[in-house]
Amino acid sequence: MAPGDLLRKISMWGPVVIYLALIFYFSSLSHIAWAAAYPDYVEHGAEYGGLAILLARALNNGLRRPLPIRVLLLTLLLCVAYGASDEFHQKFVPNRFADVTDVLSDSVGAAVGLTMLSIGRWIAGRGGAT
């Protein structure tokens, strides 16, 4: 692999890995004081909307190419799977619990993020999902 290819992969996947690590870290905390100010579904939705956009970018090797439906579906599936695994992880954190509605909020947030990404690409003239 050429050095340029490696840098490209790092620039695509690095933000995803960091974002996943941040989700895991915050899920490991027994209490997050600032989070109490917002509805849980808003936090989960925004969190997974961001993850979906970063993950779609990485799976598609950037956003300059058309974004195929299969990439969008795979992204959504991976976000739902990570959301479910995150809730499972929270079962083992003191003062936290696993909640199916959080996974639903994660899923809706990921779907909204991907929809916003597709609309944004369409508006920018780069084409939507194919």
N, C-alpha and C. Protein backbone atom coordinates (compact mmCIF):
# COMPACT_ATOMS: atom_id res chain seq x y z
N MET A 1 0.84 -1.17 0.00
CA MET A 1 0.00 0.00 0.00
C MET A 1 0.89 1.24 0.00
N ALA A 2 0.60 2.14 -0.91
CA ALA A 2 1.37 3.38 -1.02
C ALA A 2 1.09 4.29 0.18
N PRO A 3 2.07 5.11 0.56
CA PRO A 3 1.86 6.02 1.70
C PRO A 3 0.63 6.91 1.54
N GLY A 4 0.36 7.36 0.32
CA GLY A 4 -0.82 8.19 0.08
C GLY A 4 -2.10 7.43 0.33
N ASP A 5 -2.13 6.13 -0.04
CA ASP A 5 -3.30 5.30 0.21
C ASP A 5 -3.53 5.10 1.70
N LEU A 6 -2.43 4.89 2.44
CA LEU A 6 -2.54 4.71 3.88
C LEU A 6 -3.07 5.98 4.54
N LEU A 7 -2.56 7.13 4.12
CA LEU A 7 -3.04 8.40 4.67
C LEU A 7 -4.52 8.61 4.35
N ARG A 8 -4.92 8.21 3.16
CA ARG A 8 -6.34 8.33 2.77
C ARG A 8 -7.21 7.47 3.67
N LYS A 9 -6.80 6.23 3.91
CA LYS A 9 -7.56 5.33 4.78
C LYS A 9 -7.64 5.88 6.20
N ILE A 10 -6.53 6.41 6.69
CA ILE A 10 -6.52 6.99 8.04
C ILE A 10 -7.45 8.20 8.10
N SER A 11 -7.43 9.02 7.04
CA SER A 11 -8.29 10.21 7.05
C SER A 11 -9.77 9.84 6.95
N MET A 12 -10.07 8.71 6.35
CA MET A 12 -11.46 8.24 6.24
C MET A 12 -11.92 7.55 7.53
N TRP A 13 -11.09 6.63 8.04
CA TRP A 13 -11.50 5.78 9.16
C TRP A 13 -11.10 6.32 10.53
N GLY A 14 -10.10 7.19 10.58
CA GLY A 14 -9.68 7.75 11.86
C GLY A 14 -10.81 8.45 12.61
N PRO A 15 -11.55 9.35 11.95
CA PRO A 15 -12.66 10.01 12.64
C PRO A 15 -13.73 9.03 13.13
N VAL A 16 -13.98 7.96 12.38
CA VAL A 16 -14.96 6.95 12.80
C VAL A 16 -14.49 6.26 14.07
N VAL A 17 -13.23 5.85 14.09
CA VAL A 17 -12.68 5.15 15.27
C VAL A 17 -12.71 6.07 16.49
N ILE A 18 -12.32 7.32 16.31
CA ILE A 18 -12.34 8.27 17.43
C ILE A 18 -13.77 8.49 17.93
N TYR A 19 -14.71 8.63 17.02
CA TYR A 19 -16.11 8.85 17.38
C TYR A 19 -16.67 7.64 18.14
N LEU A 20 -16.38 6.43 17.65
CA LEU A 20 -16.83 5.22 18.34
C LEU A 20 -16.22 5.14 19.74
N ALA A 21 -14.96 5.50 19.86
CA ALA A 21 -14.30 5.48 21.17
C ALA A 21 -14.94 6.49 22.12
N LEU A 22 -15.33 7.65 21.59
CA LEU A 22 -16.00 8.65 22.43
C LEU A 22 -17.36 8.15 22.91
N ILE A 23 -18.11 7.52 22.02
CA ILE A 23 -19.40 6.94 22.42
C ILE A 23 -19.17 5.92 23.53
N PHE A 24 -18.20 5.05 23.34
CA PHE A 24 -17.90 4.03 24.35
C PHE A 24 -17.50 4.67 25.67
N TYR A 25 -16.65 5.69 25.60
CA TYR A 25 -16.20 6.36 26.81
C TYR A 25 -17.37 6.96 27.58
N PHE A 26 -18.21 7.74 26.89
CA PHE A 26 -19.34 8.38 27.58
C PHE A 26 -20.32 7.34 28.11
N SER A 27 -20.45 6.23 27.42
CA SER A 27 -21.33 5.15 27.91
C SER A 27 -20.74 4.46 29.13
N SER A 28 -19.45 4.61 29.33
CA SER A 28 -18.79 4.00 30.49
C SER A 28 -18.92 4.83 31.76
N LEU A 29 -19.37 6.07 31.62
CA LEU A 29 -19.51 6.95 32.77
C LEU A 29 -20.83 6.67 33.48
N SER A 30 -20.79 6.66 34.79
CA SER A 30 -22.00 6.42 35.58
C SER A 30 -22.97 7.59 35.50
N HIS A 31 -22.43 8.80 35.32
CA HIS A 31 -23.28 9.99 35.27
C HIS A 31 -22.61 11.04 34.40
N ILE A 32 -23.39 11.66 33.55
CA ILE A 32 -22.90 12.76 32.72
C ILE A 32 -23.77 13.97 33.05
N ALA A 33 -23.22 14.89 33.82
CA ALA A 33 -24.01 16.00 34.37
C ALA A 33 -24.67 16.85 33.28
N TRP A 34 -23.93 17.23 32.26
CA TRP A 34 -24.49 18.12 31.24
C TRP A 34 -25.56 17.44 30.39
N ALA A 35 -25.57 16.12 30.36
CA ALA A 35 -26.53 15.40 29.53
C ALA A 35 -27.95 15.49 30.08
N ALA A 36 -28.09 15.76 31.36
CA ALA A 36 -29.42 15.84 31.97
C ALA A 36 -30.23 17.02 31.43
N ALA A 37 -29.57 17.98 30.81
CA ALA A 37 -30.26 19.16 30.30
C ALA A 37 -31.02 18.90 29.01
N TYR A 38 -30.78 17.77 28.36
CA TYR A 38 -31.39 17.48 27.06
C TYR A 38 -32.18 16.18 27.13
N PRO A 39 -33.25 16.10 26.33
CA PRO A 39 -33.99 14.82 26.28
C PRO A 39 -33.09 13.71 25.74
N ASP A 40 -33.25 12.55 26.31
CA ASP A 40 -32.41 11.40 25.95
C ASP A 40 -32.49 11.08 24.46
N TYR A 41 -33.69 11.14 23.89
CA TYR A 41 -33.83 10.80 22.47
C TYR A 41 -33.13 11.80 21.57
N VAL A 42 -33.03 13.06 21.99
CA VAL A 42 -32.31 14.07 21.21
C VAL A 42 -30.82 13.77 21.23
N GLU A 43 -30.30 13.43 22.40
CA GLU A 43 -28.87 13.11 22.52
C GLU A 43 -28.51 11.90 21.67
N HIS A 44 -29.30 10.85 21.79
CA HIS A 44 -29.03 9.64 21.03
C HIS A 44 -29.16 9.90 19.53
N GLY A 45 -30.18 10.63 19.14
CA GLY A 45 -30.38 10.92 17.72
C GLY A 45 -29.23 11.71 17.12
N ALA A 46 -28.83 12.75 17.81
CA ALA A 46 -27.72 13.57 17.31
C ALA A 46 -26.41 12.78 17.27
N GLU A 47 -26.19 12.02 18.32
CA GLU A 47 -24.96 11.21 18.43
C GLU A 47 -24.85 10.23 17.25
N TYR A 48 -25.92 9.53 16.96
CA TYR A 48 -25.88 8.52 15.90
C TYR A 48 -26.09 9.11 14.52
N GLY A 49 -26.67 10.29 14.43
CA GLY A 49 -26.69 11.00 13.15
C GLY A 49 -25.28 11.35 12.70
N GLY A 50 -24.48 11.83 13.65
CA GLY A 50 -23.08 12.14 13.36
C GLY A 50 -22.29 10.90 13.00
N LEU A 51 -22.52 9.83 13.76
CA LEU A 51 -21.82 8.57 13.46
C LEU A 51 -22.17 8.09 12.06
N ALA A 52 -23.43 8.16 11.69
CA ALA A 52 -23.86 7.68 10.37
C ALA A 52 -23.17 8.45 9.24
N ILE A 53 -23.06 9.75 9.40
CA ILE A 53 -22.41 10.56 8.36
C ILE A 53 -20.93 10.19 8.24
N LEU A 54 -20.25 10.08 9.37
CA LEU A 54 -18.83 9.71 9.34
C LEU A 54 -18.63 8.30 8.77
N LEU A 55 -19.49 7.39 9.15
CA LEU A 55 -19.37 6.01 8.70
C LEU A 55 -19.68 5.88 7.21
N ALA A 56 -20.69 6.58 6.73
CA ALA A 56 -21.01 6.56 5.29
C ALA A 56 -19.85 7.13 4.49
N ARG A 57 -19.25 8.19 4.99
CA ARG A 57 -18.09 8.80 4.33
C ARG A 57 -16.95 7.80 4.22
N ALA A 58 -16.69 7.07 5.32
CA ALA A 58 -15.59 6.11 5.32
C ALA A 58 -15.89 4.91 4.42
N LEU A 59 -17.10 4.38 4.51
CA LEU A 59 -17.46 3.22 3.68
C LEU A 59 -17.45 3.55 2.19
N ASN A 60 -17.75 4.79 1.87
CA ASN A 60 -17.79 5.22 0.46
C ASN A 60 -16.45 5.78 -0.01
N ASN A 61 -15.46 5.77 0.89
CA ASN A 61 -14.14 6.34 0.59
C ASN A 61 -14.24 7.81 0.18
N GLY A 62 -15.04 8.54 0.94
CA GLY A 62 -15.22 9.96 0.69
C GLY A 62 -16.62 10.26 0.22
N LEU A 63 -16.89 11.54 0.07
CA LEU A 63 -18.22 11.96 -0.35
C LEU A 63 -18.23 12.60 -1.74
N ARG A 64 -17.13 12.49 -2.44
CA ARG A 64 -17.08 13.06 -3.80
C ARG A 64 -17.71 12.13 -4.82
N ARG A 65 -17.78 10.84 -4.47
CA ARG A 65 -18.39 9.85 -5.37
C ARG A 65 -19.87 9.71 -5.02
N PRO A 66 -20.66 9.19 -5.97
CA PRO A 66 -22.06 8.92 -5.63
C PRO A 66 -22.16 7.98 -4.43
N LEU A 67 -23.20 8.15 -3.66
CA LEU A 67 -23.41 7.37 -2.44
C LEU A 67 -24.47 6.30 -2.74
N PRO A 68 -24.02 5.07 -3.01
CA PRO A 68 -24.97 4.01 -3.36
C PRO A 68 -25.90 3.65 -2.21
N ILE A 69 -27.08 3.18 -2.55
CA ILE A 69 -28.06 2.74 -1.56
C ILE A 69 -27.45 1.66 -0.66
N ARG A 70 -26.65 0.76 -1.21
CA ARG A 70 -26.06 -0.32 -0.40
C ARG A 70 -25.15 0.24 0.68
N VAL A 71 -24.47 1.34 0.41
CA VAL A 71 -23.63 1.98 1.43
C VAL A 71 -24.51 2.60 2.51
N LEU A 72 -25.60 3.23 2.10
CA LEU A 72 -26.52 3.82 3.08
C LEU A 72 -27.13 2.74 3.97
N LEU A 73 -27.55 1.64 3.37
CA LEU A 73 -28.15 0.55 4.15
C LEU A 73 -27.13 -0.11 5.08
N LEU A 74 -25.92 -0.34 4.58
CA LEU A 74 -24.87 -0.92 5.43
C LEU A 74 -24.55 0.01 6.58
N THR A 75 -24.48 1.30 6.30
CA THR A 75 -24.21 2.29 7.34
C THR A 75 -25.29 2.24 8.41
N LEU A 76 -26.54 2.21 7.98
CA LEU A 76 -27.64 2.16 8.95
C LEU A 76 -27.58 0.89 9.79
N LEU A 77 -27.32 -0.23 9.14
CA LEU A 77 -27.22 -1.51 9.85
C LEU A 77 -26.08 -1.48 10.89
N LEU A 78 -24.94 -0.95 10.51
CA LEU A 78 -23.80 -0.88 11.43
C LEU A 78 -24.09 0.07 12.60
N CYS A 79 -24.77 1.17 12.33
CA CYS A 79 -25.13 2.10 13.41
C CYS A 79 -26.09 1.45 14.39
N VAL A 80 -27.08 0.72 13.87
CA VAL A 80 -28.03 0.03 14.75
C VAL A 80 -27.30 -1.03 15.57
N ALA A 81 -26.41 -1.76 14.95
CA ALA A 81 -25.65 -2.80 15.66
C ALA A 81 -24.77 -2.19 16.75
N TYR A 82 -24.11 -1.07 16.45
CA TYR A 82 -23.27 -0.44 17.47
C TYR A 82 -24.13 0.13 18.58
N GLY A 83 -25.29 0.69 18.25
CA GLY A 83 -26.20 1.20 19.27
C GLY A 83 -26.65 0.09 20.20
N ALA A 84 -26.98 -1.08 19.63
CA ALA A 84 -27.40 -2.22 20.46
C ALA A 84 -26.24 -2.70 21.34
N SER A 85 -25.04 -2.76 20.78
CA SER A 85 -23.89 -3.20 21.57
C SER A 85 -23.57 -2.18 22.66
N ASP A 86 -23.79 -0.91 22.39
CA ASP A 86 -23.56 0.13 23.37
C ASP A 86 -24.55 0.01 24.54
N GLU A 87 -25.78 -0.30 24.23
CA GLU A 87 -26.78 -0.51 25.30
C GLU A 87 -26.41 -1.74 26.13
N PHE A 88 -25.95 -2.79 25.48
CA PHE A 88 -25.50 -3.98 26.21
C PHE A 88 -24.35 -3.62 27.14
N HIS A 89 -23.41 -2.84 26.64
CA HIS A 89 -22.26 -2.38 27.43
C HIS A 89 -22.74 -1.63 28.68
N GLN A 90 -23.78 -0.81 28.53
CA GLN A 90 -24.26 -0.01 29.65
C GLN A 90 -24.87 -0.85 30.77
N LYS A 91 -25.26 -2.10 30.46
CA LYS A 91 -25.78 -2.99 31.51
C LYS A 91 -24.75 -3.21 32.61
N PHE A 92 -23.48 -3.06 32.28
CA PHE A 92 -22.41 -3.36 33.21
C PHE A 92 -21.81 -2.11 33.85
N VAL A 93 -22.40 -0.96 33.58
CA VAL A 93 -21.91 0.31 34.14
C VAL A 93 -22.82 0.70 35.30
N PRO A 94 -22.22 0.96 36.47
CA PRO A 94 -23.05 1.36 37.62
C PRO A 94 -23.92 2.58 37.29
N ASN A 95 -25.16 2.54 37.75
CA ASN A 95 -26.15 3.62 37.55
C ASN A 95 -26.59 3.80 36.10
N ARG A 96 -26.26 2.86 35.23
CA ARG A 96 -26.71 2.91 33.84
C ARG A 96 -27.51 1.65 33.57
N PHE A 97 -28.30 1.68 32.53
CA PHE A 97 -29.09 0.50 32.17
C PHE A 97 -29.28 0.45 30.66
N ALA A 98 -29.59 -0.71 30.18
CA ALA A 98 -29.85 -0.91 28.75
C ALA A 98 -31.31 -0.60 28.47
N ASP A 99 -31.57 0.11 27.38
CA ASP A 99 -32.93 0.51 27.05
C ASP A 99 -33.15 0.36 25.54
N VAL A 100 -34.15 -0.41 25.18
CA VAL A 100 -34.46 -0.62 23.77
C VAL A 100 -34.85 0.68 23.09
N THR A 101 -35.50 1.58 23.81
CA THR A 101 -35.89 2.85 23.20
C THR A 101 -34.67 3.69 22.82
N ASP A 102 -33.57 3.51 23.54
CA ASP A 102 -32.34 4.21 23.15
C ASP A 102 -31.82 3.69 21.81
N VAL A 103 -31.91 2.39 21.59
CA VAL A 103 -31.50 1.83 20.30
C VAL A 103 -32.41 2.37 19.20
N LEU A 104 -33.69 2.50 19.48
CA LEU A 104 -34.61 3.09 18.50
C LEU A 104 -34.22 4.53 18.21
N SER A 105 -33.89 5.30 19.23
CA SER A 105 -33.45 6.68 19.03
C SER A 105 -32.16 6.74 18.22
N ASP A 106 -31.24 5.81 18.50
CA ASP A 106 -30.00 5.72 17.73
C ASP A 106 -30.31 5.46 16.25
N SER A 107 -31.23 4.54 16.01
CA SER A 107 -31.58 4.15 14.64
C SER A 107 -32.23 5.30 13.89
N VAL A 108 -33.16 5.98 14.55
CA VAL A 108 -33.82 7.13 13.91
C VAL A 108 -32.80 8.23 13.65
N GLY A 109 -31.92 8.48 14.60
CA GLY A 109 -30.89 9.49 14.42
C GLY A 109 -29.97 9.17 13.25
N ALA A 110 -29.58 7.90 13.13
CA ALA A 110 -28.73 7.48 12.01
C ALA A 110 -29.47 7.67 10.68
N ALA A 111 -30.75 7.28 10.66
CA ALA A 111 -31.54 7.43 9.43
C ALA A 111 -31.71 8.91 9.06
N VAL A 112 -31.95 9.76 10.04
CA VAL A 112 -32.08 11.19 9.78
C VAL A 112 -30.74 11.76 9.29
N GLY A 113 -29.64 11.35 9.90
CA GLY A 113 -28.32 11.81 9.47
C GLY A 113 -28.04 11.42 8.03
N LEU A 114 -28.37 10.19 7.66
CA LEU A 114 -28.15 9.74 6.28
C LEU A 114 -29.07 10.45 5.31
N THR A 115 -30.30 10.74 5.73
CA THR A 115 -31.23 11.49 4.89
C THR A 115 -30.71 12.90 4.67
N MET A 116 -30.24 13.54 5.74
CA MET A 116 -29.68 14.88 5.61
C MET A 116 -28.45 14.88 4.71
N LEU A 117 -27.62 13.86 4.84
CA LEU A 117 -26.45 13.74 3.98
C LEU A 117 -26.86 13.61 2.52
N SER A 118 -27.83 12.77 2.24
CA SER A 118 -28.29 12.57 0.87
C SER A 118 -28.91 13.84 0.30
N ILE A 119 -29.72 14.52 1.10
CA ILE A 119 -30.33 15.79 0.64
C ILE A 119 -29.26 16.84 0.41
N GLY A 120 -28.30 16.92 1.32
CA GLY A 120 -27.21 17.88 1.16
C GLY A 120 -26.39 17.63 -0.10
N ARG A 121 -26.14 16.36 -0.38
CA ARG A 121 -25.39 16.02 -1.60
C ARG A 121 -26.22 16.37 -2.83
N TRP A 122 -27.53 16.14 -2.77
CA TRP A 122 -28.40 16.46 -3.91
C TRP A 122 -28.43 17.97 -4.15
N ILE A 123 -28.54 18.73 -3.07
CA ILE A 123 -28.56 20.18 -3.19
C ILE A 123 -27.24 20.70 -3.74
N ALA A 124 -26.15 20.08 -3.31
CA ALA A 124 -24.82 20.51 -3.76
C ALA A 124 -24.56 20.07 -5.21
N GLY A 125 -25.45 19.26 -5.76
CA GLY A 125 -25.31 18.85 -7.15
C GLY A 125 -24.40 17.65 -7.36
N ARG A 126 -24.09 16.96 -6.29
CA ARG A 126 -23.20 15.80 -6.42
C ARG A 126 -24.00 14.53 -6.59
N GLY A 127 -25.29 14.62 -6.61
CA GLY A 127 -26.11 13.42 -6.78
C GLY A 127 -26.39 12.76 -5.45
N GLY A 128 -27.56 12.20 -5.35
CA GLY A 128 -27.96 11.51 -4.13
C GLY A 128 -27.60 10.05 -4.20
N ALA A 129 -28.37 9.26 -3.52
CA ALA A 129 -28.15 7.81 -3.49
C ALA A 129 -28.45 7.21 -4.86
N THR A 130 -27.69 6.20 -5.23
CA THR A 130 -27.92 5.54 -6.52
C THR A 130 -28.27 4.08 -6.28
